[in-house]
All heavy atoms as atom14 arrays in JSON, in Angstrom:
{
  "sequence": "YVVGVGVGETRVRVELYDLAMEERARKEFALD",
  "atom14_mask": [
    [1, 1, 1, 1, 1, 1, 1, 1, 1, 1, 1, 1, 0, 0],
    [1, 1, 1, 1, 1, 1, 1, 0, 0, 0, 0, 0, 0, 0],
    [1, 1, 1, 1, 1, 1, 1, 0, 0, 0, 0, 0, 0, 0],
    [1, 1, 1, 1, 0, 0, 0, 0, 0, 0, 0, 0, 0, 0],
    [1, 1, 1, 1, 1, 1, 1, 0, 0, 0, 0, 0, 0, 0],
    [1, 1, 1, 1, 0, 0, 0, 0, 0, 0, 0, 0, 0, 0],
    [1, 1, 1, 1, 1, 1, 1, 0, 0, 0, 0, 0, 0, 0],
    [1, 1, 1, 1, 0, 0, 0, 0, 0, 0, 0, 0, 0, 0],
    [1, 1, 1, 1, 1, 1, 1, 1, 1, 0, 0, 0, 0, 0],
    [1, 1, 1, 1, 1, 1, 1, 0, 0, 0, 0, 0, 0, 0],
    [1, 1, 1, 1, 1, 1, 1, 1, 1, 1, 1, 0, 0, 0],
    [1, 1, 1, 1, 1, 1, 1, 0, 0, 0, 0, 0, 0, 0],
    [1, 1, 1, 1, 1, 1, 1, 1, 1, 1, 1, 0, 0, 0],
    [1, 1, 1, 1, 1, 1, 1, 0, 0, 0, 0, 0, 0, 0],
    [1, 1, 1, 1, 1, 1, 1, 1, 1, 0, 0, 0, 0, 0],
    [1, 1, 1, 1, 1, 1, 1, 1, 0, 0, 0, 0, 0, 0],
    [1, 1, 1, 1, 1, 1, 1, 1, 1, 1, 1, 1, 0, 0],
    [1, 1, 1, 1, 1, 1, 1, 1, 0, 0, 0, 0, 0, 0],
    [1, 1, 1, 1, 1, 1, 1, 1, 0, 0, 0, 0, 0, 0],
    [1, 1, 1, 1, 1, 0, 0, 0, 0, 0, 0, 0, 0, 0],
    [1, 1, 1, 1, 1, 1, 1, 1, 0, 0, 0, 0, 0, 0],
    [1, 1, 1, 1, 1, 1, 1, 1, 1, 0, 0, 0, 0, 0],
    [1, 1, 1, 1, 1, 1, 1, 1, 1, 0, 0, 0, 0, 0],
    [1, 1, 1, 1, 1, 1, 1, 1, 1, 1, 1, 0, 0, 0],
    [1, 1, 1, 1, 1, 0, 0, 0, 0, 0, 0, 0, 0, 0],
    [1, 1, 1, 1, 1, 1, 1, 1, 1, 1, 1, 0, 0, 0],
    [1, 1, 1, 1, 1, 1, 1, 1, 1, 0, 0, 0, 0, 0],
    [1, 1, 1, 1, 1, 1, 1, 1, 1, 0, 0, 0, 0, 0],
    [1, 1, 1, 1, 1, 1, 1, 1, 1, 1, 1, 0, 0, 0],
    [1, 1, 1, 1, 1, 0, 0, 0, 0, 0, 0, 0, 0, 0],
    [1, 1, 1, 1, 1, 1, 1, 1, 0, 0, 0, 0, 0, 0],
    [1, 1, 1, 1, 1, 1, 1, 1, 0, 0, 0, 0, 0, 0]
  ],
  "atom14_positions": [
    [[216.46, 138.28, -3.48], [215.23, 137.7, -4.01], [214.87, 138.38, -5.33], [215.32, 139.49, -5.63], [214.06, 137.88, -3.04], [214.26, 137.25, -1.69], [214.79, 138.0, -0.63], [213.91, 135.93, -1.46], [214.96, 137.43, 0.63], [214.08, 135.35, -0.21], [214.61, 136.11, 0.83], [214.79, 135.54, 2.06], [0.0, 0.0, 0.0], [0.0, 0.0, 0.0]],
    [[214.03, 137.72, -6.1], [213.41, 138.32, -7.27], [211.91, 138.06, -7.19], [211.47, 137.06, -6.62], [213.98, 137.77, -8.59], [215.42, 138.21, -8.78], [213.87, 136.25, -8.65], [0.0, 0.0, 0.0], [0.0, 0.0, 0.0], [0.0, 0.0, 0.0], [0.0, 0.0, 0.0], [0.0, 0.0, 0.0], [0.0, 0.0, 0.0], [0.0, 0.0, 0.0]],
    [[211.14, 138.97, -7.75], [209.68, 138.85, -7.76], [209.22, 138.63, -9.18], [209.63, 139.34, -10.1], [209.02, 140.11, -7.18], [207.49, 140.03, -7.33], [209.39, 140.29, -5.71], [0.0, 0.0, 0.0], [0.0, 0.0, 0.0], [0.0, 0.0, 0.0], [0.0, 0.0, 0.0], [0.0, 0.0, 0.0], [0.0, 0.0, 0.0], [0.0, 0.0, 0.0]],
    [[208.39, 137.61, -9.37], [207.78, 137.35, -10.66], [206.29, 137.58, -10.6], [205.63, 137.16, -9.63], [0.0, 0.0, 0.0], [0.0, 0.0, 0.0], [0.0, 0.0, 0.0], [0.0, 0.0, 0.0], [0.0, 0.0, 0.0], [0.0, 0.0, 0.0], [0.0, 0.0, 0.0], [0.0, 0.0, 0.0], [0.0, 0.0, 0.0], [0.0, 0.0, 0.0]],
    [[205.76, 138.27, -11.6], [204.33, 138.58, -11.63], [203.75, 138.11, -12.96], [204.29, 138.41, -14.03], [204.08, 140.1, -11.49], [202.58, 140.41, -11.57], [204.66, 140.61, -10.18], [0.0, 0.0, 0.0], [0.0, 0.0, 0.0], [0.0, 0.0, 0.0], [0.0, 0.0, 0.0], [0.0, 0.0, 0.0], [0.0, 0.0, 0.0], [0.0, 0.0, 0.0]],
    [[202.67, 137.34, -12.88], [201.95, 136.92, -14.07], [200.58, 137.58, -14.11], [199.77, 137.38, -13.2], [0.0, 0.0, 0.0], [0.0, 0.0, 0.0], [0.0, 0.0, 0.0], [0.0, 0.0, 0.0], [0.0, 0.0, 0.0], [0.0, 0.0, 0.0], [0.0, 0.0, 0.0], [0.0, 0.0, 0.0], [0.0, 0.0, 0.0], [0.0, 0.0, 0.0]],
    [[200.32, 138.38, -15.13], [199.02, 139.04, -15.29], [198.27, 138.3, -16.38], [198.68, 138.31, -17.55], [199.18, 140.53, -15.66], [197.8, 141.17, -15.84], [199.98, 141.27, -14.6], [0.0, 0.0, 0.0], [0.0, 0.0, 0.0], [0.0, 0.0, 0.0], [0.0, 0.0, 0.0], [0.0, 0.0, 0.0], [0.0, 0.0, 0.0], [0.0, 0.0, 0.0]],
    [[197.18, 137.64, -16.01], [196.4, 136.86, -16.96], [194.98, 137.37, -17.1], [194.61, 138.4, -16.53], [0.0, 0.0, 0.0], [0.0, 0.0, 0.0], [0.0, 0.0, 0.0], [0.0, 0.0, 0.0], [0.0, 0.0, 0.0], [0.0, 0.0, 0.0], [0.0, 0.0, 0.0], [0.0, 0.0, 0.0], [0.0, 0.0, 0.0], [0.0, 0.0, 0.0]],
    [[194.21, 136.63, -17.87], [192.82, 137.03, -18.11], [191.99, 137.0, -16.83], [191.11, 137.84, -16.64], [192.2, 136.09, -19.14], [192.96, 135.98, -20.45], [192.7, 137.15, -21.37], [191.84, 137.99, -21.03], [193.36, 137.24, -22.41], [0.0, 0.0, 0.0], [0.0, 0.0, 0.0], [0.0, 0.0, 0.0], [0.0, 0.0, 0.0], [0.0, 0.0, 0.0]],
    [[192.28, 136.01, -15.95], [191.41, 135.79, -14.8], [192.1, 135.95, -13.45], [191.45, 135.79, -12.43], [190.81, 134.36, -14.86], [191.89, 133.4, -14.87], [189.97, 134.19, -16.12], [0.0, 0.0, 0.0], [0.0, 0.0, 0.0], [0.0, 0.0, 0.0], [0.0, 0.0, 0.0], [0.0, 0.0, 0.0], [0.0, 0.0, 0.0], [0.0, 0.0, 0.0]],
    [[193.41, 136.27, -13.46], [194.09, 136.41, -12.17], [195.39, 137.18, -12.32], [195.95, 137.29, -13.41], [194.39, 135.04, -11.57], [195.45, 134.25, -12.34], [195.68, 132.89, -11.75], [196.68, 132.15, -12.52], [196.97, 130.88, -12.34], [196.33, 130.18, -11.42], [197.9, 130.27, -13.07], [0.0, 0.0, 0.0], [0.0, 0.0, 0.0], [0.0, 0.0, 0.0]],
    [[195.85, 137.67, -11.18], [197.19, 138.23, -11.05], [197.92, 137.37, -10.01], [197.44, 137.2, -8.89], [197.17, 139.7, -10.59], [198.59, 140.2, -10.29], [196.51, 140.57, -11.65], [0.0, 0.0, 0.0], [0.0, 0.0, 0.0], [0.0, 0.0, 0.0], [0.0, 0.0, 0.0], [0.0, 0.0, 0.0], [0.0, 0.0, 0.0], [0.0, 0.0, 0.0]],
    [[199.06, 136.83, -10.41], [199.84, 135.99, -9.49], [201.17, 136.67, -9.23], [201.87, 137.07, -10.14], [200.07, 134.6, -10.09], [201.0, 133.73, -9.24], [201.29, 132.41, -9.92], [200.11, 131.55, -9.95], [200.07, 130.37, -10.57], [201.13, 129.93, -11.23], [198.97, 129.64, -10.54], [0.0, 0.0, 0.0], [0.0, 0.0, 0.0], [0.0, 0.0, 0.0]],
    [[201.52, 136.76, -7.94], [202.8, 137.36, -7.52], [203.57, 136.3, -6.75], [203.04, 135.7, -5.8], [202.57, 138.61, -6.63], [203.91, 139.24, -6.26], [201.69, 139.62, -7.35], [0.0, 0.0, 0.0], [0.0, 0.0, 0.0], [0.0, 0.0, 0.0], [0.0, 0.0, 0.0], [0.0, 0.0, 0.0], [0.0, 0.0, 0.0], [0.0, 0.0, 0.0]],
    [[204.83, 136.06, -7.15], [205.66, 135.03, -6.52], [207.02, 135.61, -6.16], [207.57, 136.43, -6.89], [205.83, 133.84, -7.47], [204.52, 133.15, -7.79], [204.66, 132.13, -8.91], [205.43, 132.38, -9.84], [203.97, 131.09, -8.84], [0.0, 0.0, 0.0], [0.0, 0.0, 0.0], [0.0, 0.0, 0.0], [0.0, 0.0, 0.0], [0.0, 0.0, 0.0]],
    [[207.54, 135.14, -5.03], [208.86, 135.55, -4.56], [209.8, 134.36, -4.64], [209.48, 133.26, -4.17], [208.79, 136.04, -3.11], [210.09, 136.56, -2.5], [210.47, 137.91, -3.1], [209.97, 136.67, -0.98], [0.0, 0.0, 0.0], [0.0, 0.0, 0.0], [0.0, 0.0, 0.0], [0.0, 0.0, 0.0], [0.0, 0.0, 0.0], [0.0, 0.0, 0.0]],
    [[210.99, 134.56, -5.25], [211.97, 133.49, -5.41], [213.31, 133.92, -4.84], [213.67, 135.1, -4.88], [212.18, 133.17, -6.9], [210.98, 132.58, -7.59], [210.02, 133.39, -8.17], [210.81, 131.2, -7.65], [208.92, 132.85, -8.81], [209.71, 130.64, -8.3], [208.77, 131.47, -8.87], [207.67, 130.93, -9.5], [0.0, 0.0, 0.0], [0.0, 0.0, 0.0]],
    [[214.06, 132.92, -4.34], [215.44, 133.2, -4.01], [216.26, 133.03, -5.29], [215.72, 132.76, -6.36], [215.96, 132.32, -2.87], [215.96, 130.83, -3.21], [215.94, 130.47, -4.4], [215.96, 130.02, -2.26], [0.0, 0.0, 0.0], [0.0, 0.0, 0.0], [0.0, 0.0, 0.0], [0.0, 0.0, 0.0], [0.0, 0.0, 0.0], [0.0, 0.0, 0.0]],
    [[217.58, 133.18, -5.21], [218.39, 133.16, -6.42], [218.64, 131.75, -6.96], [219.24, 131.6, -8.02], [219.71, 133.89, -6.19], [219.57, 135.38, -5.88], [220.93, 136.06, -5.89], [218.62, 136.07, -6.85], [0.0, 0.0, 0.0], [0.0, 0.0, 0.0], [0.0, 0.0, 0.0], [0.0, 0.0, 0.0], [0.0, 0.0, 0.0], [0.0, 0.0, 0.0]],
    [[218.18, 130.73, -6.23], [218.2, 129.37, -6.77], [216.88, 129.04, -7.46], [216.63, 127.91, -7.84], [218.48, 128.36, -5.66], [0.0, 0.0, 0.0], [0.0, 0.0, 0.0], [0.0, 0.0, 0.0], [0.0, 0.0, 0.0], [0.0, 0.0, 0.0], [0.0, 0.0, 0.0], [0.0, 0.0, 0.0], [0.0, 0.0, 0.0], [0.0, 0.0, 0.0]],
    [[216.03, 130.06, -7.61], [214.7, 129.93, -8.21], [213.8, 128.99, -7.42], [212.93, 128.3, -7.98], [214.79, 129.47, -9.67], [215.34, 130.52, -10.61], [214.28, 131.98, -10.77], [215.2, 133.19, -9.79], [0.0, 0.0, 0.0], [0.0, 0.0, 0.0], [0.0, 0.0, 0.0], [0.0, 0.0, 0.0], [0.0, 0.0, 0.0], [0.0, 0.0, 0.0]],
    [[214.0, 128.98, -6.1], [213.09, 128.27, -5.21], [212.01, 129.24, -4.76], [212.32, 130.34, -4.28], [213.84, 127.73, -3.99], [214.84, 126.63, -4.32], [214.18, 125.34, -4.75], [213.01, 125.12, -4.35], [214.83, 124.58, -5.48], [0.0, 0.0, 0.0], [0.0, 0.0, 0.0], [0.0, 0.0, 0.0], [0.0, 0.0, 0.0], [0.0, 0.0, 0.0]],
    [[210.76, 128.84, -4.94], [209.67, 129.72, -4.56], [209.6, 129.86, -3.04], [209.59, 128.88, -2.32], [208.34, 129.17, -5.08], [207.14, 130.08, -4.8], [205.84, 129.51, -5.31], [205.75, 129.23, -6.53], [204.91, 129.31, -4.5], [0.0, 0.0, 0.0], [0.0, 0.0, 0.0], [0.0, 0.0, 0.0], [0.0, 0.0, 0.0], [0.0, 0.0, 0.0]],
    [[209.51, 131.1, -2.58], [209.45, 131.38, -1.14], [208.07, 131.83, -0.68], [207.71, 131.66, 0.48], [210.48, 132.44, -0.77], [211.93, 131.99, -0.99], [212.22, 130.73, -0.22], [213.6, 130.28, -0.36], [214.06, 129.13, 0.11], [213.23, 128.3, 0.72], [215.32, 128.8, -0.06], [0.0, 0.0, 0.0], [0.0, 0.0, 0.0], [0.0, 0.0, 0.0]],
    [[207.3, 132.4, -1.59], [205.95, 132.84, -1.21], [205.17, 133.13, -2.49], [205.74, 133.42, -3.55], [205.99, 134.08, -0.32], [0.0, 0.0, 0.0], [0.0, 0.0, 0.0], [0.0, 0.0, 0.0], [0.0, 0.0, 0.0], [0.0, 0.0, 0.0], [0.0, 0.0, 0.0], [0.0, 0.0, 0.0], [0.0, 0.0, 0.0], [0.0, 0.0, 0.0]],
    [[203.82, 133.04, -2.37], [202.95, 133.29, -3.51], [201.66, 133.93, -3.05], [201.14, 133.62, -1.98], [202.64, 131.98, -4.23], [201.64, 132.13, -5.37], [201.19, 130.79, -5.92], [202.29, 130.05, -6.52], [202.12, 128.96, -7.25], [200.9, 128.48, -7.44], [203.16, 128.34, -7.76], [0.0, 0.0, 0.0], [0.0, 0.0, 0.0], [0.0, 0.0, 0.0]],
    [[201.12, 134.82, -3.88], [199.83, 135.44, -3.62], [199.09, 135.6, -4.93], [199.68, 136.01, -5.95], [200.01, 136.82, -2.96], [198.72, 137.52, -2.61], [197.97, 136.83, -1.48], [196.73, 137.62, -1.06], [195.97, 136.94, 0.02], [0.0, 0.0, 0.0], [0.0, 0.0, 0.0], [0.0, 0.0, 0.0], [0.0, 0.0, 0.0], [0.0, 0.0, 0.0]],
    [[197.8, 135.24, -4.94], [196.99, 135.37, -6.14], [195.76, 136.23, -5.89], [195.2, 136.22, -4.79], [196.55, 133.99, -6.65], [197.65, 133.16, -7.25], [197.13, 131.91, -7.94], [195.88, 131.77, -8.05], [197.94, 131.09, -8.38], [0.0, 0.0, 0.0], [0.0, 0.0, 0.0], [0.0, 0.0, 0.0], [0.0, 0.0, 0.0], [0.0, 0.0, 0.0]],
    [[195.36, 136.95, -6.94], [194.15, 137.76, -6.88], [193.31, 137.44, -8.11], [193.82, 137.42, -9.24], [194.49, 139.26, -6.89], [195.35, 139.71, -5.74], [196.73, 139.67, -5.85], [194.78, 140.16, -4.56], [197.54, 140.08, -4.8], [195.58, 140.57, -3.5], [196.96, 140.53, -3.62], [0.0, 0.0, 0.0], [0.0, 0.0, 0.0], [0.0, 0.0, 0.0]],
    [[192.04, 137.19, -7.91], [191.14, 136.89, -9.02], [190.81, 138.17, -9.77], [190.71, 139.26, -9.19], [189.86, 136.23, -8.52], [0.0, 0.0, 0.0], [0.0, 0.0, 0.0], [0.0, 0.0, 0.0], [0.0, 0.0, 0.0], [0.0, 0.0, 0.0], [0.0, 0.0, 0.0], [0.0, 0.0, 0.0], [0.0, 0.0, 0.0], [0.0, 0.0, 0.0]],
    [[190.65, 138.05, -11.1], [190.22, 139.15, -11.94], [188.92, 138.79, -12.61], [188.74, 137.66, -13.07], [191.27, 139.45, -13.01], [192.54, 140.18, -12.61], [193.47, 140.29, -13.82], [192.24, 141.56, -12.06], [0.0, 0.0, 0.0], [0.0, 0.0, 0.0], [0.0, 0.0, 0.0], [0.0, 0.0, 0.0], [0.0, 0.0, 0.0], [0.0, 0.0, 0.0]],
    [[188.02, 139.75, -12.7], [186.8, 139.58, -13.48], [187.21, 139.65, -14.95], [187.79, 140.64, -15.39], [185.82, 140.71, -13.15], [184.48, 140.55, -13.84], [184.45, 139.95, -14.93], [183.47, 141.06, -13.32], [0.0, 0.0, 0.0], [0.0, 0.0, 0.0], [0.0, 0.0, 0.0], [0.0, 0.0, 0.0], [0.0, 0.0, 0.0], [0.0, 0.0, 0.0]]
  ]
}
C-alpha cells in the first residue's frame, strides 16, 4: 500500500491506496 496525505487550509486528508491506485480507506480532520 501507499499513503497519500493532503494538508490544506481547512483540513488534513489521509488516504490509503493499493498499488493499482484504488482507494482502500480515507480519514479527514477539520482544521481551523
